[in-house]
Amino acid sequence: MAEAKDEALSPTVTKVLDAYFEVLKGDSDIDDEAAGRLDDLLRQGKVPKLADIGAALFPAGDDEAG
């Protein structure tokens, strides 16, 4: 992940992400911490890998599947 630069997002993308995460955090079925991790991932300025999205939403230490 050495190539992860803090590239600026366009104002349009920022507005879309802001609106998306406002709704996401308002959803009682979505954990706020998972939403925050996904938000951080998507705001990096590059397209995340599917595995990274899965790890953000469902971290390895998550015991809900038990």
PDB file of N, CA and C in Angstrom:
ATOM      1  N   MET A   1       0.809  -1.205   0.000  1.00  0.00           N
ATOM      2  CA  MET A   1       0.000   0.000   0.000  1.00  0.00           C
ATOM      3  C   MET A   1       0.850   1.266   0.000  1.00  0.00           C
ATOM      4  N   ALA A   2       2.059   1.117  -0.419  1.00  0.00           N
ATOM      5  CA  ALA A   2       2.946   2.264  -0.476  1.00  0.00           C
ATOM      6  C   ALA A   2       2.474   3.285  -1.500  1.00  0.00           C
ATOM      7  N   GLU A   3       1.665   2.839  -2.456  1.00  0.00           N
ATOM      8  CA  GLU A   3       1.194   3.758  -3.484  1.00  0.00           C
ATOM      9  C   GLU A   3      -0.036   4.544  -3.049  1.00  0.00           C
ATOM     10  N   ALA A   4      -0.509   4.341  -1.838  1.00  0.00           N
ATOM     11  CA  ALA A   4      -1.698   5.045  -1.349  1.00  0.00           C
ATOM     12  C   ALA A   4      -1.360   6.512  -1.112  1.00  0.00           C
ATOM     13  N   LYS A   5      -1.690   7.321  -2.081  1.00  0.00           N
ATOM     14  CA  LYS A   5      -1.442   8.757  -1.990  1.00  0.00           C
ATOM     15  C   LYS A   5      -2.712   9.437  -1.500  1.00  0.00           C
ATOM     16  N   ASP A   6      -2.574  10.554  -0.869  1.00  0.00           N
ATOM     17  CA  ASP A   6      -3.733  11.324  -0.435  1.00  0.00           C
ATOM     18  C   ASP A   6      -4.202  12.196  -1.598  1.00  0.00           C
ATOM     19  N   GLU A   7      -4.717  11.543  -2.641  1.00  0.00           N
ATOM     20  CA  GLU A   7      -5.215  12.272  -3.800  1.00  0.00           C
ATOM     21  C   GLU A   7      -6.535  12.927  -3.433  1.00  0.00           C
ATOM     22  N   ALA A   8      -6.693  14.157  -3.835  1.00  0.00           N
ATOM     23  CA  ALA A   8      -7.918  14.890  -3.527  1.00  0.00           C
ATOM     24  C   ALA A   8      -9.076  14.327  -4.336  1.00  0.00           C
ATOM     25  N   LEU A   9     -10.200  14.143  -3.660  1.00  0.00           N
ATOM     26  CA  LEU A   9     -11.413  13.705  -4.343  1.00  0.00           C
ATOM     27  C   LEU A   9     -12.113  14.926  -4.916  1.00  0.00           C
ATOM     28  N   SER A  10     -12.818  14.718  -5.999  1.00  0.00           N
ATOM     29  CA  SER A  10     -13.559  15.829  -6.590  1.00  0.00           C
ATOM     30  C   SER A  10     -14.691  16.226  -5.660  1.00  0.00           C
ATOM     31  N   PRO A  11     -15.149  17.463  -5.747  1.00  0.00           N
ATOM     32  CA  PRO A  11     -16.270  17.904  -4.905  1.00  0.00           C
ATOM     33  C   PRO A  11     -17.525  17.044  -5.103  1.00  0.00           C
ATOM     34  N   THR A  12     -17.745  16.578  -6.323  1.00  0.00           N
ATOM     35  CA  THR A  12     -18.916  15.738  -6.596  1.00  0.00           C
ATOM     36  C   THR A  12     -18.800  14.397  -5.880  1.00  0.00           C
ATOM     37  N   VAL A  13     -17.639  13.771  -5.963  1.00  0.00           N
ATOM     38  CA  VAL A  13     -17.427  12.487  -5.285  1.00  0.00           C
ATOM     39  C   VAL A  13     -17.561  12.668  -3.780  1.00  0.00           C
ATOM     40  N   THR A  14     -17.021  13.742  -3.255  1.00  0.00           N
ATOM     41  CA  THR A  14     -17.123  14.011  -1.825  1.00  0.00           C
ATOM     42  C   THR A  14     -18.580  14.157  -1.396  1.00  0.00           C
ATOM     43  N   LYS A  15     -19.379  14.865  -2.178  1.00  0.00           N
ATOM     44  CA  LYS A  15     -20.812  15.021  -1.866  1.00  0.00           C
ATOM     45  C   LYS A  15     -21.528  13.678  -1.886  1.00  0.00           C
ATOM     46  N   VAL A  16     -21.221  12.862  -2.874  1.00  0.00           N
ATOM     47  CA  VAL A  16     -21.856  11.550  -2.981  1.00  0.00           C
ATOM     48  C   VAL A  16     -21.478  10.684  -1.781  1.00  0.00           C
ATOM     49  N   LEU A  17     -20.197  10.651  -1.438  1.00  0.00           N
ATOM     50  CA  LEU A  17     -19.761   9.856  -0.292  1.00  0.00           C
ATOM     51  C   LEU A  17     -20.362  10.371   1.015  1.00  0.00           C
ATOM     52  N   ASP A  18     -20.425  11.682   1.173  1.00  0.00           N
ATOM     53  CA  ASP A  18     -21.033  12.256   2.383  1.00  0.00           C
ATOM     54  C   ASP A  18     -22.486  11.814   2.519  1.00  0.00           C
ATOM     55  N   ALA A  19     -23.238  11.899   1.437  1.00  0.00           N
ATOM     56  CA  ALA A  19     -24.649  11.507   1.464  1.00  0.00           C
ATOM     57  C   ALA A  19     -24.789  10.005   1.704  1.00  0.00           C
ATOM     58  N   TYR A  20     -23.956   9.216   1.051  1.00  0.00           N
ATOM     59  CA  TYR A  20     -24.001   7.761   1.207  1.00  0.00           C
ATOM     60  C   TYR A  20     -23.746   7.359   2.653  1.00  0.00           C
ATOM     61  N   PHE A  21     -22.726   7.916   3.272  1.00  0.00           N
ATOM     62  CA  PHE A  21     -22.385   7.516   4.624  1.00  0.00           C
ATOM     63  C   PHE A  21     -23.341   8.081   5.667  1.00  0.00           C
ATOM     64  N   GLU A  22     -23.997   9.175   5.367  1.00  0.00           N
ATOM     65  CA  GLU A  22     -25.039   9.686   6.259  1.00  0.00           C
ATOM     66  C   GLU A  22     -26.175   8.663   6.339  1.00  0.00           C
ATOM     67  N   VAL A  23     -26.575   8.135   5.206  1.00  0.00           N
ATOM     68  CA  VAL A  23     -27.632   7.121   5.158  1.00  0.00           C
ATOM     69  C   VAL A  23     -27.141   5.808   5.762  1.00  0.00           C
ATOM     70  N   LEU A  24     -25.927   5.424   5.421  1.00  0.00           N
ATOM     71  CA  LEU A  24     -25.364   4.175   5.921  1.00  0.00           C
ATOM     72  C   LEU A  24     -25.298   4.163   7.444  1.00  0.00           C
ATOM     73  N   LYS A  25     -24.848   5.255   8.031  1.00  0.00           N
ATOM     74  CA  LYS A  25     -24.744   5.323   9.489  1.00  0.00           C
ATOM     75  C   LYS A  25     -26.111   5.414  10.156  1.00  0.00           C
ATOM     76  N   GLY A  26     -27.117   5.832   9.421  1.00  0.00           N
ATOM     77  CA  GLY A  26     -28.472   5.870   9.950  1.00  0.00           C
ATOM     78  C   GLY A  26     -29.165   4.518   9.902  1.00  0.00           C
ATOM     79  N   ASP A  27     -28.563   3.553   9.228  1.00  0.00           N
ATOM     80  CA  ASP A  27     -29.132   2.212   9.103  1.00  0.00           C
ATOM     81  C   ASP A  27     -28.751   1.392  10.328  1.00  0.00           C
ATOM     82  N   SER A  28     -29.752   0.940  11.072  1.00  0.00           N
ATOM     83  CA  SER A  28     -29.484   0.200  12.306  1.00  0.00           C
ATOM     84  C   SER A  28     -28.855  -1.167  12.051  1.00  0.00           C
ATOM     85  N   ASP A  29     -28.918  -1.663  10.824  1.00  0.00           N
ATOM     86  CA  ASP A  29     -28.323  -2.959  10.496  1.00  0.00           C
ATOM     87  C   ASP A  29     -26.827  -2.862  10.194  1.00  0.00           C
ATOM     88  N   ILE A  30     -26.314  -1.641  10.040  1.00  0.00           N
ATOM     89  CA  ILE A  30     -24.904  -1.430   9.712  1.00  0.00           C
ATOM     90  C   ILE A  30     -24.179  -0.886  10.935  1.00  0.00           C
ATOM     91  N   ASP A  31     -23.119  -1.551  11.319  1.00  0.00           N
ATOM     92  CA  ASP A  31     -22.292  -1.138  12.447  1.00  0.00           C
ATOM     93  C   ASP A  31     -21.583   0.178  12.105  1.00  0.00           C
ATOM     94  N   ASP A  32     -21.618   1.147  13.002  1.00  0.00           N
ATOM     95  CA  ASP A  32     -20.981   2.448  12.749  1.00  0.00           C
ATOM     96  C   ASP A  32     -19.479   2.325  12.511  1.00  0.00           C
ATOM     97  N   GLU A  33     -18.836   1.397  13.218  1.00  0.00           N
ATOM     98  CA  GLU A  33     -17.390   1.213  13.030  1.00  0.00           C
ATOM     99  C   GLU A  33     -17.096   0.667  11.635  1.00  0.00           C
ATOM    100  N   ALA A  34     -17.916  -0.273  11.167  1.00  0.00           N
ATOM    101  CA  ALA A  34     -17.731  -0.819   9.818  1.00  0.00           C
ATOM    102  C   ALA A  34     -17.966   0.276   8.789  1.00  0.00           C
ATOM    103  N   ALA A  35     -18.984   1.093   9.000  1.00  0.00           N
ATOM    104  CA  ALA A  35     -19.256   2.201   8.085  1.00  0.00           C
ATOM    105  C   ALA A  35     -18.073   3.166   8.053  1.00  0.00           C
ATOM    106  N   GLY A  36     -17.494   3.429   9.190  1.00  0.00           N
ATOM    107  CA  GLY A  36     -16.332   4.310   9.261  1.00  0.00           C
ATOM    108  C   GLY A  36     -15.127   3.749   8.527  1.00  0.00           C
ATOM    109  N   ARG A  37     -14.903   2.440   8.683  1.00  0.00           N
ATOM    110  CA  ARG A  37     -13.783   1.805   7.969  1.00  0.00           C
ATOM    111  C   ARG A  37     -14.005   1.861   6.465  1.00  0.00           C
ATOM    112  N   LEU A  38     -15.239   1.612   6.029  1.00  0.00           N
ATOM    113  CA  LEU A  38     -15.545   1.688   4.598  1.00  0.00           C
ATOM    114  C   LEU A  38     -15.371   3.115   4.084  1.00  0.00           C
ATOM    115  N   ASP A  39     -15.808   4.087   4.874  1.00  0.00           N
ATOM    116  CA  ASP A  39     -15.656   5.495   4.512  1.00  0.00           C
ATOM    117  C   ASP A  39     -14.177   5.837   4.316  1.00  0.00           C
ATOM    118  N   ASP A  40     -13.353   5.429   5.268  1.00  0.00           N
ATOM    119  CA  ASP A  40     -11.911   5.686   5.162  1.00  0.00           C
ATOM    120  C   ASP A  40     -11.328   5.056   3.905  1.00  0.00           C
ATOM    121  N   LEU A  41     -11.753   3.830   3.625  1.00  0.00           N
ATOM    122  CA  LEU A  41     -11.243   3.110   2.467  1.00  0.00           C
ATOM    123  C   LEU A  41     -11.620   3.805   1.158  1.00  0.00           C
ATOM    124  N   LEU A  42     -12.876   4.220   1.038  1.00  0.00           N
ATOM    125  CA  LEU A  42     -13.342   4.829  -0.203  1.00  0.00           C
ATOM    126  C   LEU A  42     -12.804   6.244  -0.412  1.00  0.00           C
ATOM    127  N   ARG A  43     -12.393   6.906   0.633  1.00  0.00           N
ATOM    128  CA  ARG A  43     -11.885   8.272   0.506  1.00  0.00           C
ATOM    129  C   ARG A  43     -10.375   8.327   0.264  1.00  0.00           C
ATOM    130  N   GLN A  44      -9.757   7.184   0.037  1.00  0.00           N
ATOM    131  CA  GLN A  44      -8.310   7.148  -0.215  1.00  0.00           C
ATOM    132  C   GLN A  44      -7.938   7.674  -1.587  1.00  0.00           C
ATOM    133  N   GLY A  45      -8.899   7.810  -2.469  1.00  0.00           N
ATOM    134  CA  GLY A  45      -8.601   8.353  -3.791  1.00  0.00           C
ATOM    135  C   GLY A  45      -8.218   7.315  -4.815  1.00  0.00           C
ATOM    136  N   LYS A  46      -8.456   6.050  -4.502  1.00  0.00           N
ATOM    137  CA  LYS A  46      -8.193   4.987  -5.467  1.00  0.00           C
ATOM    138  C   LYS A  46      -9.287   3.938  -5.321  1.00  0.00           C
ATOM    139  N   VAL A  47      -9.432   3.099  -6.327  1.00  0.00           N
ATOM    140  CA  VAL A  47     -10.449   2.052  -6.292  1.00  0.00           C
ATOM    141  C   VAL A  47      -9.959   0.941  -5.369  1.00  0.00           C
ATOM    142  N   PRO A  48     -10.732   0.635  -4.320  1.00  0.00           N
ATOM    143  CA  PRO A  48     -10.293  -0.415  -3.397  1.00  0.00           C
ATOM    144  C   PRO A  48     -10.511  -1.801  -3.990  1.00  0.00           C
ATOM    145  N   LYS A  49      -9.720  -2.738  -3.529  1.00  0.00           N
ATOM    146  CA  LYS A  49      -9.877  -4.131  -3.933  1.00  0.00           C
ATOM    147  C   LYS A  49     -11.073  -4.716  -3.191  1.00  0.00           C
ATOM    148  N   LEU A  50     -11.723  -5.698  -3.786  1.00  0.00           N
ATOM    149  CA  LEU A  50     -12.874  -6.343  -3.188  1.00  0.00           C
ATOM    150  C   LEU A  50     -12.533  -6.916  -1.813  1.00  0.00           C
ATOM    151  N   ALA A  51     -11.361  -7.494  -1.679  1.00  0.00           N
ATOM    152  CA  ALA A  51     -10.939  -8.060  -0.396  1.00  0.00           C
ATOM    153  C   ALA A  51     -10.820  -6.974   0.669  1.00  0.00           C
ATOM    154  N   ASP A  52     -10.371  -5.783   0.291  1.00  0.00           N
ATOM    155  CA  ASP A  52     -10.250  -4.678   1.244  1.00  0.00           C
ATOM    156  C   ASP A  52     -11.626  -4.199   1.710  1.00  0.00           C
ATOM    157  N   ILE A  53     -12.590  -4.199   0.797  1.00  0.00           N
ATOM    158  CA  ILE A  53     -13.954  -3.817   1.164  1.00  0.00           C
ATOM    159  C   ILE A  53     -14.520  -4.839   2.142  1.00  0.00           C
ATOM    160  N   GLY A  54     -14.320  -6.122   1.852  1.00  0.00           N
ATOM    161  CA  GLY A  54     -14.783  -7.179   2.748  1.00  0.00           C
ATOM    162  C   GLY A  54     -14.150  -7.075   4.118  1.00  0.00           C
ATOM    163  N   ALA A  55     -12.865  -6.786   4.167  1.00  0.00           N
ATOM    164  CA  ALA A  55     -12.169  -6.650   5.441  1.00  0.00           C
ATOM    165  C   ALA A  55     -12.670  -5.440   6.228  1.00  0.00           C
ATOM    166  N   ALA A  56     -13.037  -4.378   5.527  1.00  0.00           N
ATOM    167  CA  ALA A  56     -13.564  -3.188   6.203  1.00  0.00           C
ATOM    168  C   ALA A  56     -14.935  -3.464   6.808  1.00  0.00           C
ATOM    169  N   LEU A  57     -15.768  -4.186   6.073  1.00  0.00           N
ATOM    170  CA  LEU A  57     -17.116  -4.467   6.548  1.00  0.00           C
ATOM    171  C   LEU A  57     -17.180  -5.615   7.540  1.00  0.00           C
ATOM    172  N   PHE A  58     -16.335  -6.606   7.340  1.00  0.00           N
ATOM    173  CA  PHE A  58     -16.360  -7.805   8.178  1.00  0.00           C
ATOM    174  C   PHE A  58     -14.952  -8.151   8.644  1.00  0.00           C
ATOM    175  N   PRO A  59     -14.447  -7.441   9.669  1.00  0.00           N
ATOM    176  CA  PRO A  59     -13.090  -7.691  10.126  1.00  0.00           C
ATOM    177  C   PRO A  59     -12.932  -9.117  10.661  1.00  0.00           C
ATOM    178  N   ALA A  60     -11.729  -9.648  10.588  1.00  0.00           N
ATOM    179  CA  ALA A  60     -11.445 -11.032  10.989  1.00  0.00           C
ATOM    180  C   ALA A  60     -11.834 -11.320  12.433  1.00  0.00           C
ATOM    181  N   GLY A  61     -11.754 -10.355  13.306  1.00  0.00           N
ATOM    182  CA  GLY A  61     -12.075 -10.565  14.718  1.00  0.00           C
ATOM    183  C   GLY A  61     -13.547 -10.444  15.034  1.00  0.00           C
ATOM    184  N   ASP A  62     -14.410 -10.283  14.020  1.00  0.00           N
ATOM    185  CA  ASP A  62     -15.842 -10.120  14.228  1.00  0.00           C
ATOM    186  C   ASP A  62     -16.457 -11.465  14.580  1.00  0.00           C
ATOM    187  N   ASP A  63     -17.070 -11.561  15.778  1.00  0.00           N
ATOM    188  CA  ASP A  63     -17.605 -12.831  16.277  1.00  0.00           C
ATOM    189  C   ASP A  63     -19.092 -12.995  16.041  1.00  0.00           C
ATOM    190  N   GLU A  64     -19.720 -12.185  15.200  1.00  0.00           N
ATOM    191  CA  GLU A  64     -21.166 -12.271  14.977  1.00  0.00           C
ATOM    192  C   GLU A  64     -21.561 -13.559  14.284  1.00  0.00           C
ATOM    193  N   ALA A  65     -20.672 -14.163  13.518  1.00  0.00           N
ATOM    194  CA  ALA A  65     -21.017 -15.360  12.752  1.00  0.00           C
ATOM    195  C   ALA A  65     -21.136 -16.590  13.647  1.00  0.00           C
ATOM    196  N   GLY A  66     -20.713 -16.491  14.904  1.00  0.00           N
ATOM    197  CA  GLY A  66     -20.619 -17.612  15.816  1.00  0.00           C
ATOM    198  C   GLY A  66     -21.857 -18.284  16.112  1.00  0.00           C
TER     199      GLY A  66
END
